[in-house]
PDB file of N, CA and C in Angstrom:
ATOM      1  N   UNK A   1      54.947  23.842 -28.614  1.00  0.00           N
ATOM      2  CA  UNK A   1      55.486  24.204 -30.566  1.00  0.00           C
ATOM      3  C   UNK A   1      53.887  23.526 -30.949  1.00  0.00           C
ATOM      4  N   UNK A   2      53.068  24.555 -31.971  1.00  0.00           N
ATOM      5  CA  UNK A   2      52.280  24.186 -32.409  1.00  0.00           C
ATOM      6  C   UNK A   2      52.402  23.488 -33.816  1.00  0.00           C
ATOM      7  N   UNK A   3      52.169  21.954 -33.957  1.00  0.00           N
ATOM      8  CA  UNK A   3      52.240  21.323 -34.978  1.00  0.00           C
ATOM      9  C   UNK A   3      50.971  20.951 -35.658  1.00  0.00           C
ATOM     10  N   UNK A   4      51.503  20.098 -36.774  1.00  0.00           N
ATOM     11  CA  UNK A   4      50.402  19.430 -37.338  1.00  0.00           C
ATOM     12  C   UNK A   4      49.237  19.014 -37.076  1.00  0.00           C
ATOM     13  N   UNK A   5      49.239  18.370 -35.332  1.00  0.00           N
ATOM     14  CA  UNK A   5      47.849  18.004 -35.098  1.00  0.00           C
ATOM     15  C   UNK A   5      47.020  19.362 -34.591  1.00  0.00           C
ATOM     16  N   UNK A   6      47.242  20.144 -34.958  1.00  0.00           N
ATOM     17  CA  UNK A   6      46.465  21.484 -34.596  1.00  0.00           C
ATOM     18  C   UNK A   6      45.895  21.683 -36.067  1.00  0.00           C
ATOM     19  N   UNK A   7      46.586  21.514 -36.871  1.00  0.00           N
ATOM     20  CA  UNK A   7      45.719  22.077 -38.465  1.00  0.00           C
ATOM     21  C   UNK A   7      44.788  20.771 -38.175  1.00  0.00           C
ATOM     22  N   UNK A   8      45.010  19.408 -37.924  1.00  0.00           N
ATOM     23  CA  UNK A   8      43.993  18.405 -38.263  1.00  0.00           C
ATOM     24  C   UNK A   8      42.621  18.536 -37.189  1.00  0.00           C
ATOM     25  N   UNK A   9      43.122  19.278 -36.209  1.00  0.00           N
ATOM     26  CA  UNK A   9      41.785  19.757 -34.886  1.00  0.00           C
ATOM     27  C   UNK A   9      41.030  21.371 -35.801  1.00  0.00           C
ATOM     28  N   UNK A  10      41.528  21.913 -36.511  1.00  0.00           N
ATOM     29  CA  UNK A  10      41.125  23.142 -37.252  1.00  0.00           C
ATOM     30  C   UNK A  10      40.144  23.109 -38.318  1.00  0.00           C
ATOM     31  N   UNK A  11      40.816  21.405 -39.001  1.00  0.00           N
ATOM     32  CA  UNK A  11      40.122  21.384 -39.984  1.00  0.00           C
ATOM     33  C   UNK A  11      38.571  21.254 -39.808  1.00  0.00           C
ATOM     34  N   UNK A  12      38.136  20.783 -38.925  1.00  0.00           N
ATOM     35  CA  UNK A  12      36.878  20.461 -38.453  1.00  0.00           C
ATOM     36  C   UNK A  12      36.084  22.258 -37.750  1.00  0.00           C
ATOM     37  N   UNK A  13      36.737  22.927 -37.674  1.00  0.00           N
ATOM     38  CA  UNK A  13      36.230  24.145 -37.077  1.00  0.00           C
ATOM     39  C   UNK A  13      35.446  25.225 -38.374  1.00  0.00           C
ATOM     40  N   UNK A  14      34.857  25.623 -37.920  1.00  0.00           N
ATOM     41  CA  UNK A  14      34.514  27.326 -38.497  1.00  0.00           C
ATOM     42  C   UNK A  14      35.526  28.202 -38.768  1.00  0.00           C
ATOM     43  N   UNK A  15      36.213  28.089 -38.678  1.00  0.00           N
ATOM     44  CA  UNK A  15      37.369  29.552 -38.370  1.00  0.00           C
ATOM     45  C   UNK A  15      38.691  29.005 -39.087  1.00  0.00           C
ATOM     46  N   UNK A  16      38.917  27.730 -39.556  1.00  0.00           N
ATOM     47  CA  UNK A  16      39.746  27.127 -40.050  1.00  0.00           C
ATOM     48  C   UNK A  16      40.706  28.321 -40.841  1.00  0.00           C
ATOM     49  N   UNK A  17      41.931  28.692 -40.532  1.00  0.00           N
ATOM     50  CA  UNK A  17      42.958  29.312 -41.210  1.00  0.00           C
ATOM     51  C   UNK A  17      43.404  28.744 -42.438  1.00  0.00           C
ATOM     52  N   UNK A  18      43.358  27.417 -42.576  1.00  0.00           N
ATOM     53  CA  UNK A  18      44.293  26.714 -43.494  1.00  0.00           C
ATOM     54  C   UNK A  18      43.209  26.596 -44.790  1.00  0.00           C
ATOM     55  N   UNK A  19      42.597  26.414 -44.564  1.00  0.00           N
ATOM     56  CA  UNK A  19      41.061  26.338 -45.675  1.00  0.00           C
ATOM     57  C   UNK A  19      41.209  24.966 -46.436  1.00  0.00           C
ATOM     58  N   UNK A  20      42.219  24.165 -46.413  1.00  0.00           N
ATOM     59  CA  UNK A  20      42.448  23.341 -47.708  1.00  0.00           C
ATOM     60  C   UNK A  20      42.564  23.316 -49.014  1.00  0.00           C
ATOM     61  N   UNK A  21      42.438  24.550 -49.176  1.00  0.00           N
ATOM     62  CA  UNK A  21      42.286  24.424 -50.403  1.00  0.00           C
ATOM     63  C   UNK A  21      43.242  23.733 -51.567  1.00  0.00           C
ATOM     64  N   UNK A  22      43.233  23.505 -52.378  1.00  0.00           N
ATOM     65  CA  UNK A  22      43.894  22.361 -53.596  1.00  0.00           C
ATOM     66  C   UNK A  22      45.354  23.401 -54.054  1.00  0.00           C
ATOM     67  N   UNK A  23      46.134  22.450 -53.343  1.00  0.00           N
ATOM     68  CA  UNK A  23      47.609  23.490 -53.848  1.00  0.00           C
ATOM     69  C   UNK A  23      48.000  23.878 -54.895  1.00  0.00           C
ATOM     70  N   UNK A  24      48.206  24.907 -55.302  1.00  0.00           N
ATOM     71  CA  UNK A  24      48.424  25.655 -56.919  1.00  0.00           C
ATOM     72  C   UNK A  24      49.940  26.139 -56.775  1.00  0.00           C
ATOM     73  N   UNK A  25      50.784  25.710 -57.468  1.00  0.00           N
ATOM     74  CA  UNK A  25      52.131  25.841 -57.730  1.00  0.00           C
ATOM     75  C   UNK A  25      52.206  27.148 -57.752  1.00  0.00           C
ATOM     76  N   UNK A  26      51.873  27.873 -58.979  1.00  0.00           N
ATOM     77  CA  UNK A  26      51.755  29.170 -59.750  1.00  0.00           C
ATOM     78  C   UNK A  26      51.597  29.726 -58.563  1.00  0.00           C
ATOM     79  N   UNK A  27      50.360  29.755 -57.876  1.00  0.00           N
ATOM     80  CA  UNK A  27      49.647  30.373 -56.532  1.00  0.00           C
ATOM     81  C   UNK A  27      50.983  30.452 -55.551  1.00  0.00           C
ATOM     82  N   UNK A  28      51.455  29.277 -55.361  1.00  0.00           N
ATOM     83  CA  UNK A  28      52.134  29.786 -54.179  1.00  0.00           C
ATOM     84  C   UNK A  28      53.739  30.692 -54.140  1.00  0.00           C
ATOM     85  N   UNK A  29      53.995  30.525 -55.677  1.00  0.00           N
ATOM     86  CA  UNK A  29      55.589  31.006 -55.970  1.00  0.00           C
ATOM     87  C   UNK A  29      54.877  32.291 -55.979  1.00  0.00           C
ATOM     88  N   UNK A  30      53.835  32.898 -56.357  1.00  0.00           N
ATOM     89  CA  UNK A  30      53.247  34.183 -56.664  1.00  0.00           C
ATOM     90  C   UNK A  30      53.445  34.864 -55.623  1.00  0.00           C
ATOM     91  N   UNK A  31      53.186  34.273 -53.943  1.00  0.00           N
ATOM     92  CA  UNK A  31      52.324  35.152 -52.898  1.00  0.00           C
ATOM     93  C   UNK A  31      53.680  34.554 -52.052  1.00  0.00           C
ATOM     94  N   UNK A  32      55.122  35.174 -52.132  1.00  0.00           N
ATOM     95  CA  UNK A  32      55.923  34.718 -51.128  1.00  0.00           C
ATOM     96  C   UNK A  32      55.932  35.460 -49.885  1.00  0.00           C
ATOM     97  N   UNK A  33      56.663  35.590 -49.243  1.00  0.00           N
ATOM     98  CA  UNK A  33      56.988  35.971 -47.771  1.00  0.00           C
ATOM     99  C   UNK A  33      55.751  36.606 -47.474  1.00  0.00           C
ATOM    100  N   UNK A  34      55.259  36.857 -46.325  1.00  0.00           N
ATOM    101  CA  UNK A  34      54.141  37.337 -45.612  1.00  0.00           C
ATOM    102  C   UNK A  34      54.311  37.270 -44.349  1.00  0.00           C
ATOM    103  N   UNK A  35      54.670  38.118 -43.790  1.00  0.00           N
ATOM    104  CA  UNK A  35      54.921  38.087 -42.171  1.00  0.00           C
ATOM    105  C   UNK A  35      53.816  38.586 -41.651  1.00  0.00           C
ATOM    106  N   UNK A  36      52.824  39.178 -42.062  1.00  0.00           N
ATOM    107  CA  UNK A  36      51.723  39.949 -41.603  1.00  0.00           C
ATOM    108  C   UNK A  36      50.551  38.685 -41.179  1.00  0.00           C
ATOM    109  N   UNK A  37      49.607  39.233 -40.234  1.00  0.00           N
ATOM    110  CA  UNK A  37      48.557  38.016 -39.701  1.00  0.00           C
ATOM    111  C   UNK A  37      47.390  38.282 -40.726  1.00  0.00           C
ATOM    112  N   UNK A  38      47.121  38.717 -41.844  1.00  0.00           N
ATOM    113  CA  UNK A  38      46.379  38.653 -42.814  1.00  0.00           C
ATOM    114  C   UNK A  38      46.304  37.391 -43.286  1.00  0.00           C
ATOM    115  N   UNK A  39      45.539  36.857 -43.611  1.00  0.00           N
ATOM    116  CA  UNK A  39      45.656  35.279 -44.643  1.00  0.00           C
ATOM    117  C   UNK A  39      45.693  35.601 -45.751  1.00  0.00           C
ATOM    118  N   UNK A  40      46.840  34.659 -46.084  1.00  0.00           N
ATOM    119  CA  UNK A  40      47.238  34.420 -47.388  1.00  0.00           C
ATOM    120  C   UNK A  40      46.923  33.235 -48.214  1.00  0.00           C
ATOM    121  N   UNK A  41      47.351  33.375 -49.547  1.00  0.00           N
ATOM    122  CA  UNK A  41      47.208  32.209 -50.379  1.00  0.00           C
ATOM    123  C   UNK A  41      48.136  30.954 -49.859  1.00  0.00           C
ATOM    124  N   UNK A  42      49.007  31.125 -49.636  1.00  0.00           N
ATOM    125  CA  UNK A  42      50.122  30.283 -49.169  1.00  0.00           C
ATOM    126  C   UNK A  42      49.580  29.574 -47.990  1.00  0.00           C
ATOM    127  N   UNK A  43      48.846  30.158 -46.855  1.00  0.00           N
ATOM    128  CA  UNK A  43      48.033  29.317 -45.834  1.00  0.00           C
ATOM    129  C   UNK A  43      47.430  28.808 -46.245  1.00  0.00           C
ATOM    130  N   UNK A  44      46.171  29.257 -46.975  1.00  0.00           N
ATOM    131  CA  UNK A  44      45.052  28.201 -47.422  1.00  0.00           C
ATOM    132  C   UNK A  44      45.009  27.326 -48.105  1.00  0.00           C
ATOM    133  N   UNK A  45      46.534  26.918 -48.644  1.00  0.00           N
ATOM    134  CA  UNK A  45      46.599  25.818 -49.544  1.00  0.00           C
ATOM    135  C   UNK A  45      47.509  24.672 -48.485  1.00  0.00           C
ATOM    136  N   UNK A  46      48.209  25.284 -47.392  1.00  0.00           N
ATOM    137  CA  UNK A  46      49.128  24.697 -46.375  1.00  0.00           C
ATOM    138  C   UNK A  46      48.779  23.345 -46.443  1.00  0.00           C
ATOM    139  N   UNK A  47      47.604  22.974 -45.508  1.00  0.00           N
ATOM    140  CA  UNK A  47      46.866  21.766 -45.224  1.00  0.00           C
ATOM    141  C   UNK A  47      47.290  21.027 -46.452  1.00  0.00           C
ATOM    142  N   UNK A  48      46.573  21.254 -47.411  1.00  0.00           N
ATOM    143  CA  UNK A  48      46.401  20.180 -48.499  1.00  0.00           C
ATOM    144  C   UNK A  48      47.859  19.934 -49.019  1.00  0.00           C
ATOM    145  N   UNK A  49      48.725  21.010 -48.880  1.00  0.00           N
ATOM    146  CA  UNK A  49      50.342  20.597 -49.616  1.00  0.00           C
ATOM    147  C   UNK A  49      50.954  19.690 -48.572  1.00  0.00           C
ATOM    148  N   UNK A  50      50.560  19.775 -47.428  1.00  0.00           N
ATOM    149  CA  UNK A  50      51.083  18.701 -46.170  1.00  0.00           C
ATOM    150  C   UNK A  50      50.412  17.892 -46.489  1.00  0.00           C
ATOM    151  N   UNK A  51      49.665  17.128 -46.827  1.00  0.00           N
ATOM    152  CA  UNK A  51      48.875  15.658 -47.453  1.00  0.00           C
ATOM    153  C   UNK A  51      48.674  15.384 -48.333  1.00  0.00           C
ATOM    154  N   UNK A  52      49.278  15.887 -49.300  1.00  0.00           N
ATOM    155  CA  UNK A  52      48.987  15.788 -50.586  1.00  0.00           C
ATOM    156  C   UNK A  52      50.430  15.795 -51.472  1.00  0.00           C
ATOM    157  N   UNK A  53      51.160  16.752 -51.089  1.00  0.00           N
ATOM    158  CA  UNK A  53      52.159  16.992 -52.190  1.00  0.00           C
ATOM    159  C   UNK A  53      53.798  16.739 -51.791  1.00  0.00           C
ATOM    160  N   UNK A  54      53.539  16.593 -50.260  1.00  0.00           N
ATOM    161  CA  UNK A  54      54.886  16.782 -49.436  1.00  0.00           C
ATOM    162  C   UNK A  54      55.065  15.376 -49.119  1.00  0.00           C
ATOM    163  N   UNK A  55      56.320  14.350 -49.229  1.00  0.00           N
ATOM    164  CA  UNK A  55      56.213  13.157 -48.959  1.00  0.00           C
ATOM    165  C   UNK A  55      57.724  12.769 -48.092  1.00  0.00           C
ATOM    166  N   UNK A  56      57.681  12.358 -46.678  1.00  0.00           N
ATOM    167  CA  UNK A  56      58.949  11.974 -46.406  1.00  0.00           C
ATOM    168  C   UNK A  56      59.810  11.581 -46.683  1.00  0.00           C
ATOM    169  N   UNK A  57      60.740  11.372 -47.053  1.00  0.00           N
ATOM    170  CA  UNK A  57      61.987  11.089 -47.908  1.00  0.00           C
ATOM    171  C   UNK A  57      62.378  11.739 -49.222  1.00  0.00           C
ATOM    172  N   UNK A  58      61.645  12.968 -49.683  1.00  0.00           N
ATOM    173  CA  UNK A  58      61.819  13.725 -50.468  1.00  0.00           C
ATOM    174  C   UNK A  58      63.369  14.674 -50.260  1.00  0.00           C
ATOM    175  N   UNK A  59      63.812  15.129 -51.246  1.00  0.00           N
ATOM    176  CA  UNK A  59      65.065  15.649 -51.367  1.00  0.00           C
ATOM    177  C   UNK A  59      64.754  17.304 -50.996  1.00  0.00           C
ATOM    178  N   UNK A  60      66.006  17.669 -50.190  1.00  0.00           N
ATOM    179  CA  UNK A  60      64.947  19.330 -50.239  1.00  0.00           C
ATOM    180  C   UNK A  60      65.180  20.124 -51.435  1.00  0.00           C
ATOM    181  N   UNK A  61      66.170  19.282 -52.746  1.00  0.00           N
ATOM    182  CA  UNK A  61      66.402  19.695 -53.908  1.00  0.00           C
ATOM    183  C   UNK A  61      64.440  19.611 -54.761  1.00  0.00           C
ATOM    184  N   UNK A  62      64.470  18.679 -54.397  1.00  0.00           N
ATOM    185  CA  UNK A  62      62.605  18.539 -54.855  1.00  0.00           C
ATOM    186  C   UNK A  62      61.517  19.296 -54.122  1.00  0.00           C
ATOM    187  N   UNK A  63      61.696  19.375 -52.825  1.00  0.00           N
ATOM    188  CA  UNK A  63      60.540  20.188 -52.366  1.00  0.00           C
ATOM    189  C   UNK A  63      61.085  22.212 -52.395  1.00  0.00           C
ATOM    190  N   UNK A  64      61.980  22.155 -52.923  1.00  0.00           N
ATOM    191  CA  UNK A  64      62.706  23.683 -53.542  1.00  0.00           C
ATOM    192  C   UNK A  64      61.796  24.082 -54.559  1.00  0.00           C
ATOM    193  N   UNK A  65      62.049  22.871 -55.690  1.00  0.00           N
ATOM    194  CA  UNK A  65      61.607  23.052 -57.113  1.00  0.00           C
ATOM    195  C   UNK A  65      60.402  22.875 -57.176  1.00  0.00           C
ATOM    196  N   UNK A  66      59.488  22.794 -56.133  1.00  0.00           N
ATOM    197  CA  UNK A  66      58.333  22.741 -55.769  1.00  0.00           C
ATOM    198  C   UNK A  66      57.673  23.855 -55.201  1.00  0.00           C
ATOM    199  N   UNK A  67      58.488  23.973 -54.125  1.00  0.00           N
ATOM    200  CA  UNK A  67      58.254  25.431 -53.371  1.00  0.00           C
ATOM    201  C   UNK A  67      59.188  26.945 -53.693  1.00  0.00           C
ATOM    202  N   UNK A  68      59.860  26.783 -54.374  1.00  0.00           N
ATOM    203  CA  UNK A  68      61.047  27.375 -54.649  1.00  0.00           C
ATOM    204  C   UNK A  68      61.591  27.810 -53.248  1.00  0.00           C
ATOM    205  N   UNK A  69      62.584  28.871 -53.421  1.00  0.00           N
ATOM    206  CA  UNK A  69      63.393  29.222 -52.681  1.00  0.00           C
ATOM    207  C   UNK A  69      62.851  29.443 -51.073  1.00  0.00           C
ATOM    208  N   UNK A  70      63.072  28.838 -49.863  1.00  0.00           N
ATOM    209  CA  UNK A  70      62.585  29.003 -48.507  1.00  0.00           C
ATOM    210  C   UNK A  70      62.843  30.454 -48.378  1.00  0.00           C
ATOM    211  N   UNK A  71      61.881  30.959 -47.376  1.00  0.00           N
ATOM    212  CA  UNK A  71      61.927  32.136 -46.792  1.00  0.00           C
ATOM    213  C   UNK A  71      63.107  32.493 -45.850  1.00  0.00           C
ATOM    214  N   UNK A  72      63.250  31.310 -45.092  1.00  0.00           N
ATOM    215  CA  UNK A  72      64.598  31.689 -44.193  1.00  0.00           C
ATOM    216  C   UNK A  72      65.224  29.978 -44.093  1.00  0.00           C
ATOM    217  N   UNK A  73      66.292  29.762 -43.627  1.00  0.00           N
ATOM    218  CA  UNK A  73      66.771  28.625 -43.642  1.00  0.00           C
ATOM    219  C   UNK A  73      67.637  28.376 -42.544  1.00  0.00           C
ATOM    220  N   UNK A  74      67.442  27.238 -41.830  1.00  0.00           N
ATOM    221  CA  UNK A  74      68.329  27.191 -40.524  1.00  0.00           C
ATOM    222  C   UNK A  74      68.833  26.277 -40.734  1.00  0.00           C
ATOM    223  N   UNK A  75      70.535  26.239 -40.568  1.00  0.00           N
ATOM    224  CA  UNK A  75      71.432  24.831 -40.812  1.00  0.00           C
ATOM    225  C   UNK A  75      71.696  24.070 -39.649  1.00  0.00           C
ATOM    226  N   UNK A  76      71.023  24.784 -38.702  1.00  0.00           N
ATOM    227  CA  UNK A  76      71.292  23.773 -37.118  1.00  0.00           C
ATOM    228  C   UNK A  76      69.690  23.870 -36.512  1.00  0.00           C
ATOM    229  N   UNK A  77      68.977  22.994 -37.090  1.00  0.00           N
ATOM    230  CA  UNK A  77      67.780  22.766 -36.227  1.00  0.00           C
ATOM    231  C   UNK A  77      67.130  21.181 -35.843  1.00  0.00           C
ATOM    232  N   UNK A  78      67.397  21.115 -34.634  1.00  0.00           N
ATOM    233  CA  UNK A  78      67.083  19.915 -33.898  1.00  0.00           C
ATOM    234  C   UNK A  78      68.251  18.933 -33.993  1.00  0.00           C
ATOM    235  N   UNK A  79      69.051  18.564 -33.555  1.00  0.00           N
ATOM    236  CA  UNK A  79      69.756  17.424 -34.007  1.00  0.00           C
ATOM    237  C   UNK A  79      71.145  17.629 -35.209  1.00  0.00           C
ATOM    238  N   UNK A  80      71.216  18.946 -34.903  1.00  0.00           N
ATOM    239  CA  UNK A  80      72.124  19.484 -36.449  1.00  0.00           C
ATOM    240  C   UNK A  80      71.400  19.038 -37.856  1.00  0.00           C
ATOM    241  N   UNK A  81      70.137  19.017 -38.116  1.00  0.00           N
ATOM    242  CA  UNK A  81      69.812  19.025 -38.554  1.00  0.00           C
ATOM    243  C   UNK A  81      69.351  20.234 -39.761  1.00  0.00           C
ATOM    244  N   UNK A  82      69.260  20.334 -40.823  1.00  0.00           N
ATOM    245  CA  UNK A  82      68.527  21.908 -41.529  1.00  0.00           C
ATOM    246  C   UNK A  82      66.919  22.167 -41.693  1.00  0.00           C
ATOM    247  N   UNK A  83      66.285  23.128 -41.702  1.00  0.00           N
ATOM    248  CA  UNK A  83      65.031  23.235 -42.227  1.00  0.00           C
ATOM    249  C   UNK A  83      65.052  24.868 -42.940  1.00  0.00           C
ATOM    250  N   UNK A  84      63.843  24.174 -44.050  1.00  0.00           N
ATOM    251  CA  UNK A  84      63.021  25.075 -44.746  1.00  0.00           C
ATOM    252  C   UNK A  84      61.958  25.942 -44.559  1.00  0.00           C
ATOM    253  N   UNK A  85      61.864  27.138 -44.109  1.00  0.00           N
ATOM    254  CA  UNK A  85      60.987  27.763 -43.500  1.00  0.00           C
ATOM    255  C   UNK A  85      60.368  28.705 -44.579  1.00  0.00           C
ATOM    256  N   UNK A  86      58.797  28.500 -44.614  1.00  0.00           N
ATOM    257  CA  UNK A  86      58.340  29.254 -45.570  1.00  0.00           C
ATOM    258  C   UNK A  86      57.122  30.110 -44.375  1.00  0.00           C
ATOM    259  N   UNK A  87      56.967  31.380 -44.713  1.00  0.00           N
ATOM    260  CA  UNK A  87      56.046  32.297 -43.802  1.00  0.00           C
ATOM    261  C   UNK A  87      54.877  32.510 -44.372  1.00  0.00           C
ATOM    262  N   UNK A  88      53.996  31.977 -43.140  1.00  0.00           N
ATOM    263  CA  UNK A  88      52.517  31.808 -43.964  1.00  0.00           C
ATOM    264  C   UNK A  88      51.450  32.831 -42.834  1.00  0.00           C
ATOM    265  N   UNK A  89      52.312  33.699 -42.780  1.00  0.00           N
ATOM    266  CA  UNK A  89      51.482  35.230 -42.135  1.00  0.00           C
ATOM    267  C   UNK A  89      51.722  34.558 -40.506  1.00  0.00           C
ATOM    268  N   UNK A  90      51.019  34.573 -39.478  1.00  0.00           N
ATOM    269  CA  UNK A  90      51.190  33.983 -38.291  1.00  0.00           C
ATOM    270  C   UNK A  90      51.792  32.623 -37.976  1.00  0.00           C
ATOM    271  N   UNK A  91      51.637  31.633 -39.026  1.00  0.00           N
ATOM    272  CA  UNK A  91      52.571  30.501 -39.095  1.00  0.00           C
ATOM    273  C   UNK A  91      53.856  30.161 -39.999  1.00  0.00           C
ATOM    274  N   UNK A  92      54.475  29.357 -39.717  1.00  0.00           N
ATOM    275  CA  UNK A  92      55.448  28.879 -40.664  1.00  0.00           C
ATOM    276  C   UNK A  92      55.215  27.499 -40.959  1.00  0.00           C
ATOM    277  N   UNK A  93      55.657  27.241 -42.340  1.00  0.00           N
ATOM    278  CA  UNK A  93      55.803  26.413 -43.143  1.00  0.00           C
ATOM    279  C   UNK A  93      56.689  25.347 -42.727  1.00  0.00           C
ATOM    280  N   UNK A  94      56.887  24.281 -41.896  1.00  0.00           N
ATOM    281  CA  UNK A  94      58.350  24.092 -41.480  1.00  0.00           C
ATOM    282  C   UNK A  94      58.693  22.470 -42.408  1.00  0.00           C
ATOM    283  N   UNK A  95      59.915  22.763 -42.610  1.00  0.00           N
ATOM    284  CA  UNK A  95      60.574  21.289 -43.303  1.00  0.00           C
ATOM    285  C   UNK A  95      61.799  20.717 -42.896  1.00  0.00           C
ATOM    286  N   UNK A  96      62.241  19.773 -41.792  1.00  0.00           N
ATOM    287  CA  UNK A  96      63.213  19.725 -41.698  1.00  0.00           C
ATOM    288  C   UNK A  96      63.918  18.315 -42.272  1.00  0.00           C
ATOM    289  N   UNK A  97      65.349  18.500 -42.827  1.00  0.00           N
ATOM    290  CA  UNK A  97      66.018  17.620 -43.698  1.00  0.00           C
ATOM    291  C   UNK A  97      67.080  17.090 -42.466  1.00  0.00           C
ATOM    292  N   UNK A  98      67.052  15.635 -42.751  1.00  0.00           N
ATOM    293  CA  UNK A  98      68.433  15.180 -42.348  1.00  0.00           C
ATOM    294  C   UNK A  98      70.224  15.346 -43.053  1.00  0.00           C
ATOM    295  N   UNK A  99      70.775  14.879 -42.494  1.00  0.00           N
ATOM    296  CA  UNK A  99      72.240  15.438 -43.091  1.00  0.00           C
ATOM    297  C   UNK A  99      72.045  14.781 -44.276  1.00  0.00           C
ATOM    298  N   UNK A 100      71.606  13.846 -45.056  1.00  0.00           N
ATOM    299  CA  UNK A 100      71.107  13.292 -46.515  1.00  0.00           C
ATOM    300  C   UNK A 100      70.804  14.276 -47.370  1.00  0.00           C
ATOM    301  N   UNK A 101      69.996  15.432 -46.535  1.00  0.00           N
ATOM    302  CA  UNK A 101      69.147  16.223 -47.281  1.00  0.00           C
ATOM    303  C   UNK A 101      67.774  15.666 -47.901  1.00  0.00           C
ATOM    304  N   UNK A 102      67.515  14.495 -46.762  1.00  0.00           N
ATOM    305  CA  UNK A 102      66.231  14.007 -47.453  1.00  0.00           C
ATOM    306  C   UNK A 102      64.954  14.594 -46.489  1.00  0.00           C
ATOM    307  N   UNK A 103      63.811  15.018 -46.609  1.00  0.00           N
ATOM    308  CA  UNK A 103      62.944  15.118 -45.542  1.00  0.00           C
ATOM    309  C   UNK A 103      62.636  14.086 -44.551  1.00  0.00           C
ATOM    310  N   UNK A 104      62.474  15.029 -43.294  1.00  0.00           N
ATOM    311  CA  UNK A 104      62.374  13.984 -42.150  1.00  0.00           C
ATOM    312  C   UNK A 104      60.649  14.011 -41.201  1.00  0.00           C
ATOM    313  N   UNK A 105      60.547  15.659 -41.483  1.00  0.00           N
ATOM    314  CA  UNK A 105      59.483  16.093 -40.681  1.00  0.00           C
ATOM    315  C   UNK A 105      58.796  17.738 -41.554  1.00  0.00           C
ATOM    316  N   UNK A 106      57.570  17.472 -41.264  1.00  0.00           N
ATOM    317  CA  UNK A 106      57.005  18.603 -41.818  1.00  0.00           C
ATOM    318  C   UNK A 106      55.655  18.957 -41.422  1.00  0.00           C
ATOM    319  N   UNK A 107      55.340  20.524 -40.894  1.00  0.00           N
ATOM    320  CA  UNK A 107      54.606  20.583 -40.086  1.00  0.00           C
ATOM    321  C   UNK A 107      54.375  21.916 -40.321  1.00  0.00           C
ATOM    322  N   UNK A 108      53.607  22.836 -39.465  1.00  0.00           N
ATOM    323  CA  UNK A 108      53.011  23.968 -39.446  1.00  0.00           C
ATOM    324  C   UNK A 108      52.722  24.312 -38.101  1.00  0.00           C
ATOM    325  N   UNK A 109      54.035  25.489 -37.603  1.00  0.00           N
ATOM    326  CA  UNK A 109      54.128  26.082 -36.414  1.00  0.00           C
ATOM    327  C   UNK A 109      53.679  27.312 -36.334  1.00  0.00           C
ATOM    328  N   UNK A 110      53.406  27.994 -35.672  1.00  0.00           N
ATOM    329  CA  UNK A 110      52.743  28.767 -34.813  1.00  0.00           C
ATOM    330  C   UNK A 110      54.337  29.986 -34.551  1.00  0.00           C
ATOM    331  N   UNK A 111      54.169  31.376 -35.392  1.00  0.00           N
ATOM    332  CA  UNK A 111      55.336  32.201 -34.734  1.00  0.00           C
ATOM    333  C   UNK A 111      54.830  32.537 -33.134  1.00  0.00           C
TER     334      UNK A 111
END
């Protein structure tokens, strides 16, 4: 599984697909589901979103207020946790919540 460590590695590369553009909630909400391999606005903001806007311990309600409805919800995501999935083209922005709906893990994974 490709995790945030790859995002950090790619930050120093010229071909960084994540671009570290500042997170803009309006742009995120206006660019929903994109399963193509083309670069999209959500992908370009994802690294900044991970680092600066999503905090471990936030509730699923807080993250959904920020990001909108997930593209897909997995109700049994490792150890019976739930995961919100937001498509980023060839990656998924994956948020894992514990049984009390608190954010316990945030990562970008390759599809």
